[in-house]
Amino acid sequence: MTLTPADRTLLRRAIALAAEARADGNPPFGSLLAAPDGTVLAEERNTTLTDRDITAHPELKLARWAARELDPAGAATATLYTSCEPCAMCAAALRQAGLGRVVFALSGEQLLGIRPASGLPPVPQEGPALFDEVRAAVEPYYR
């Protein structure tokens, strides 16, 4: 991937937002959403600790903002600049919001090499189950 000078400037702002999050006592993650001309549309910082909300990732907050405030064409041309590669939760929200592009500084793999393991065990999952019953509830929505 080749970044433009404008991409680098906006990515550096996302890194600065991460530093601001850390200075406020939160994990060091920051993101911004930009229009095609580089205009910053919205900025967010991680607030998972100060908000006591495990979902208060900046990427998720911006996906929600984009879904509320941008029409589909505007979302499709917007770029999210973020200090770290979005987690699975945030990546799904960004996809649902219809954002056109994500540029990140630190990959998820690089992050795992920097931070200590969470120590949390994976949550066991079972399924699929009761397909016909759930299909009857879900399928009409998509018709």
C-alpha atoms as a PDB file:
ATOM      1  CA  MET A   1       0.000   0.000   0.000  1.00  0.00           C
ATOM      2  CA  THR A   2       1.260   3.447  -0.871  1.00  0.00           C
ATOM      3  CA  LEU A   3       0.189   6.241   1.436  1.00  0.00           C
ATOM      4  CA  THR A   4      -0.107   9.797   0.200  1.00  0.00           C
ATOM      5  CA  PRO A   5       1.285  12.699   2.234  1.00  0.00           C
ATOM      6  CA  ALA A   6      -2.329  13.508   3.211  1.00  0.00           C
ATOM      7  CA  ASP A   7      -2.826   9.911   4.409  1.00  0.00           C
ATOM      8  CA  ARG A   8       0.294  10.187   6.555  1.00  0.00           C
ATOM      9  CA  THR A   9      -0.879  13.476   8.084  1.00  0.00           C
ATOM     10  CA  LEU A  10      -4.290  12.052   8.953  1.00  0.00           C
ATOM     11  CA  LEU A  11      -2.788   8.842  10.316  1.00  0.00           C
ATOM     12  CA  ARG A  12      -0.483  10.902  12.531  1.00  0.00           C
ATOM     13  CA  ARG A  13      -3.566  12.690  13.893  1.00  0.00           C
ATOM     14  CA  ALA A  14      -5.086   9.288  14.747  1.00  0.00           C
ATOM     15  CA  ILE A  15      -1.879   8.423  16.607  1.00  0.00           C
ATOM     16  CA  ALA A  16      -2.106  11.742  18.486  1.00  0.00           C
ATOM     17  CA  LEU A  17      -5.693  10.876  19.444  1.00  0.00           C
ATOM     18  CA  ALA A  18      -4.383   7.557  20.798  1.00  0.00           C
ATOM     19  CA  ALA A  19      -1.900   9.450  22.960  1.00  0.00           C
ATOM     20  CA  GLU A  20      -4.748  11.665  24.210  1.00  0.00           C
ATOM     21  CA  ALA A  21      -6.779   8.573  25.128  1.00  0.00           C
ATOM     22  CA  ARG A  22      -3.839   7.229  27.106  1.00  0.00           C
ATOM     23  CA  ALA A  23      -3.331  10.578  28.865  1.00  0.00           C
ATOM     24  CA  ASP A  24      -6.995  10.373  29.941  1.00  0.00           C
ATOM     25  CA  GLY A  25      -6.414   6.920  31.476  1.00  0.00           C
ATOM     26  CA  ASN A  26      -7.753   4.817  28.622  1.00  0.00           C
ATOM     27  CA  PRO A  27      -6.108   2.313  26.277  1.00  0.00           C
ATOM     28  CA  PRO A  28      -4.093   4.160  23.611  1.00  0.00           C
ATOM     29  CA  PHE A  29      -6.310   4.023  20.554  1.00  0.00           C
ATOM     30  CA  GLY A  30      -7.579   6.890  18.414  1.00  0.00           C
ATOM     31  CA  SER A  31      -9.370   7.255  15.099  1.00  0.00           C
ATOM     32  CA  LEU A  32     -10.810   9.836  12.747  1.00  0.00           C
ATOM     33  CA  LEU A  33     -13.081   9.796   9.762  1.00  0.00           C
ATOM     34  CA  ALA A  34     -12.154  11.902   6.736  1.00  0.00           C
ATOM     35  CA  ALA A  35     -13.887  12.957   3.544  1.00  0.00           C
ATOM     36  CA  PRO A  36     -12.153  12.345   0.195  1.00  0.00           C
ATOM     37  CA  ASP A  37     -10.688  15.874   0.239  1.00  0.00           C
ATOM     38  CA  GLY A  38      -9.076  15.203   3.643  1.00  0.00           C
ATOM     39  CA  THR A  39     -11.606  17.173   5.686  1.00  0.00           C
ATOM     40  CA  VAL A  40     -11.918  15.585   9.124  1.00  0.00           C
ATOM     41  CA  LEU A  41     -15.556  14.683   9.662  1.00  0.00           C
ATOM     42  CA  ALA A  42     -15.273  13.281  13.198  1.00  0.00           C
ATOM     43  CA  GLU A  43     -12.663  12.160  15.715  1.00  0.00           C
ATOM     44  CA  GLU A  44     -12.829   9.698  18.593  1.00  0.00           C
ATOM     45  CA  ARG A  45     -10.616   8.269  21.303  1.00  0.00           C
ATOM     46  CA  ASN A  46     -10.869   5.008  23.210  1.00  0.00           C
ATOM     47  CA  THR A  47     -12.925   5.560  26.373  1.00  0.00           C
ATOM     48  CA  THR A  48     -13.431   1.974  27.525  1.00  0.00           C
ATOM     49  CA  LEU A  49     -12.147   2.668  31.037  1.00  0.00           C
ATOM     50  CA  THR A  50     -13.488   6.160  31.718  1.00  0.00           C
ATOM     51  CA  ASP A  51     -16.909   5.251  30.280  1.00  0.00           C
ATOM     52  CA  ARG A  52     -16.823   1.782  31.854  1.00  0.00           C
ATOM     53  CA  ASP A  53     -17.969   0.458  28.473  1.00  0.00           C
ATOM     54  CA  ILE A  54     -16.037  -2.393  26.881  1.00  0.00           C
ATOM     55  CA  THR A  55     -17.377  -1.374  23.450  1.00  0.00           C
ATOM     56  CA  ALA A  56     -16.192   2.257  23.571  1.00  0.00           C
ATOM     57  CA  HIS A  57     -13.580   1.734  20.858  1.00  0.00           C
ATOM     58  CA  PRO A  58     -13.020   4.806  18.652  1.00  0.00           C
ATOM     59  CA  GLU A  59     -13.602   2.831  15.452  1.00  0.00           C
ATOM     60  CA  LEU A  60     -16.982   1.577  16.681  1.00  0.00           C
ATOM     61  CA  LYS A  61     -18.011   5.068  17.783  1.00  0.00           C
ATOM     62  CA  LEU A  62     -17.109   6.419  14.339  1.00  0.00           C
ATOM     63  CA  ALA A  63     -18.956   3.603  12.564  1.00  0.00           C
ATOM     64  CA  ARG A  64     -22.055   4.531  14.556  1.00  0.00           C
ATOM     65  CA  TRP A  65     -21.552   8.205  13.730  1.00  0.00           C
ATOM     66  CA  ALA A  66     -21.137   7.461  10.028  1.00  0.00           C
ATOM     67  CA  ALA A  67     -24.269   5.289   9.950  1.00  0.00           C
ATOM     68  CA  ARG A  68     -26.290   8.121  11.549  1.00  0.00           C
ATOM     69  CA  GLU A  69     -24.786  11.152   9.846  1.00  0.00           C
ATOM     70  CA  LEU A  70     -23.643  10.106   6.358  1.00  0.00           C
ATOM     71  CA  ASP A  71     -25.680   8.932   3.421  1.00  0.00           C
ATOM     72  CA  PRO A  72     -24.478   5.712   1.752  1.00  0.00           C
ATOM     73  CA  ALA A  73     -22.539   7.595  -0.942  1.00  0.00           C
ATOM     74  CA  GLY A  74     -20.772   9.753   1.639  1.00  0.00           C
ATOM     75  CA  ALA A  75     -19.887   6.744   3.768  1.00  0.00           C
ATOM     76  CA  ALA A  76     -18.547   4.860   0.752  1.00  0.00           C
ATOM     77  CA  THR A  77     -16.096   7.677  -0.021  1.00  0.00           C
ATOM     78  CA  ALA A  78     -14.984   8.232   3.597  1.00  0.00           C
ATOM     79  CA  THR A  79     -11.739   6.908   5.045  1.00  0.00           C
ATOM     80  CA  LEU A  80     -11.212   5.849   8.637  1.00  0.00           C
ATOM     81  CA  TYR A  81      -7.693   6.555   9.896  1.00  0.00           C
ATOM     82  CA  THR A  82      -6.880   4.660  13.049  1.00  0.00           C
ATOM     83  CA  SER A  83      -3.922   4.027  15.290  1.00  0.00           C
ATOM     84  CA  CYS A  84      -4.426   0.247  15.275  1.00  0.00           C
ATOM     85  CA  GLU A  85      -6.077  -2.259  12.970  1.00  0.00           C
ATOM     86  CA  PRO A  86      -9.745  -2.557  13.950  1.00  0.00           C
ATOM     87  CA  CYS A  87     -10.728  -5.565  16.048  1.00  0.00           C
ATOM     88  CA  ALA A  88     -13.364  -7.975  14.734  1.00  0.00           C
ATOM     89  CA  MET A  89     -16.194  -6.087  16.493  1.00  0.00           C
ATOM     90  CA  CYS A  90     -15.149  -2.759  15.000  1.00  0.00           C
ATOM     91  CA  ALA A  91     -14.404  -4.197  11.544  1.00  0.00           C
ATOM     92  CA  ALA A  92     -17.948  -5.604  11.392  1.00  0.00           C
ATOM     93  CA  ALA A  93     -19.430  -2.233  12.388  1.00  0.00           C
ATOM     94  CA  LEU A  94     -17.305  -0.407   9.804  1.00  0.00           C
ATOM     95  CA  ARG A  95     -18.520  -2.805   7.129  1.00  0.00           C
ATOM     96  CA  GLN A  96     -22.151  -2.293   8.213  1.00  0.00           C
ATOM     97  CA  ALA A  97     -21.656   1.496   8.102  1.00  0.00           C
ATOM     98  CA  GLY A  98     -20.485   1.144   4.492  1.00  0.00           C
ATOM     99  CA  LEU A  99     -17.168   2.938   4.920  1.00  0.00           C
ATOM    100  CA  GLY A 100     -14.982   2.927   1.847  1.00  0.00           C
ATOM    101  CA  ARG A 101     -11.502   2.576   3.297  1.00  0.00           C
ATOM    102  CA  VAL A 102      -9.547   2.012   6.514  1.00  0.00           C
ATOM    103  CA  VAL A 103      -5.928   3.059   7.031  1.00  0.00           C
ATOM    104  CA  PHE A 104      -4.197   1.881  10.206  1.00  0.00           C
ATOM    105  CA  ALA A 105      -0.773   2.355  11.752  1.00  0.00           C
ATOM    106  CA  LEU A 106      -0.309  -0.756  13.899  1.00  0.00           C
ATOM    107  CA  SER A 107      -1.537  -4.181  12.789  1.00  0.00           C
ATOM    108  CA  GLY A 108      -3.371  -6.469  15.155  1.00  0.00           C
ATOM    109  CA  GLU A 109      -0.465  -8.901  14.953  1.00  0.00           C
ATOM    110  CA  GLN A 110       2.019  -6.139  15.835  1.00  0.00           C
ATOM    111  CA  LEU A 111      -0.180  -5.142  18.765  1.00  0.00           C
ATOM    112  CA  LEU A 112      -0.124  -8.704  20.101  1.00  0.00           C
ATOM    113  CA  GLY A 113       3.669  -8.536  20.038  1.00  0.00           C
ATOM    114  CA  ILE A 114       3.640  -5.358  22.146  1.00  0.00           C
ATOM    115  CA  ARG A 115       0.947  -5.871  24.745  1.00  0.00           C
ATOM    116  CA  PRO A 116       0.693  -8.596  27.335  1.00  0.00           C
ATOM    117  CA  ALA A 117      -1.901 -11.319  26.849  1.00  0.00           C
ATOM    118  CA  SER A 118      -5.312 -10.476  28.303  1.00  0.00           C
ATOM    119  CA  GLY A 119      -5.473 -13.717  30.296  1.00  0.00           C
ATOM    120  CA  LEU A 120      -9.152 -14.039  29.411  1.00  0.00           C
ATOM    121  CA  PRO A 121     -10.200 -17.472  28.176  1.00  0.00           C
ATOM    122  CA  PRO A 122     -12.172 -17.718  24.946  1.00  0.00           C
ATOM    123  CA  VAL A 123     -15.938 -17.852  25.392  1.00  0.00           C
ATOM    124  CA  PRO A 124     -17.272 -21.271  24.349  1.00  0.00           C
ATOM    125  CA  GLN A 125     -19.799 -21.088  21.533  1.00  0.00           C
ATOM    126  CA  GLU A 126     -22.295 -23.728  20.421  1.00  0.00           C
ATOM    127  CA  GLY A 127     -24.353 -23.752  17.274  1.00  0.00           C
ATOM    128  CA  PRO A 128     -25.857 -23.471  14.828  1.00  0.00           C
ATOM    129  CA  ALA A 129     -29.061 -24.864  16.304  1.00  0.00           C
ATOM    130  CA  LEU A 130     -32.826 -24.621  15.680  1.00  0.00           C
ATOM    131  CA  PHE A 131     -32.313 -23.555  12.081  1.00  0.00           C
ATOM    132  CA  ASP A 132     -35.941 -23.790  10.947  1.00  0.00           C
ATOM    133  CA  GLU A 133     -37.194 -21.757  13.909  1.00  0.00           C
ATOM    134  CA  VAL A 134     -34.642 -18.973  13.538  1.00  0.00           C
ATOM    135  CA  ARG A 135     -35.034 -18.948   9.775  1.00  0.00           C
ATOM    136  CA  ALA A 136     -38.766 -18.266  10.185  1.00  0.00           C
ATOM    137  CA  ALA A 137     -37.931 -15.203  12.288  1.00  0.00           C
ATOM    138  CA  VAL A 138     -35.043 -13.877  10.175  1.00  0.00           C
ATOM    139  CA  GLU A 139     -35.872 -14.672   6.568  1.00  0.00           C
ATOM    140  CA  PRO A 140     -38.922 -12.379   6.202  1.00  0.00           C
ATOM    141  CA  TYR A 141     -36.768  -9.375   7.060  1.00  0.00           C
ATOM    142  CA  TYR A 142     -34.600  -9.938   3.982  1.00  0.00           C
ATOM    143  CA  ARG A 143     -37.480 -10.410   1.513  1.00  0.00           C
END
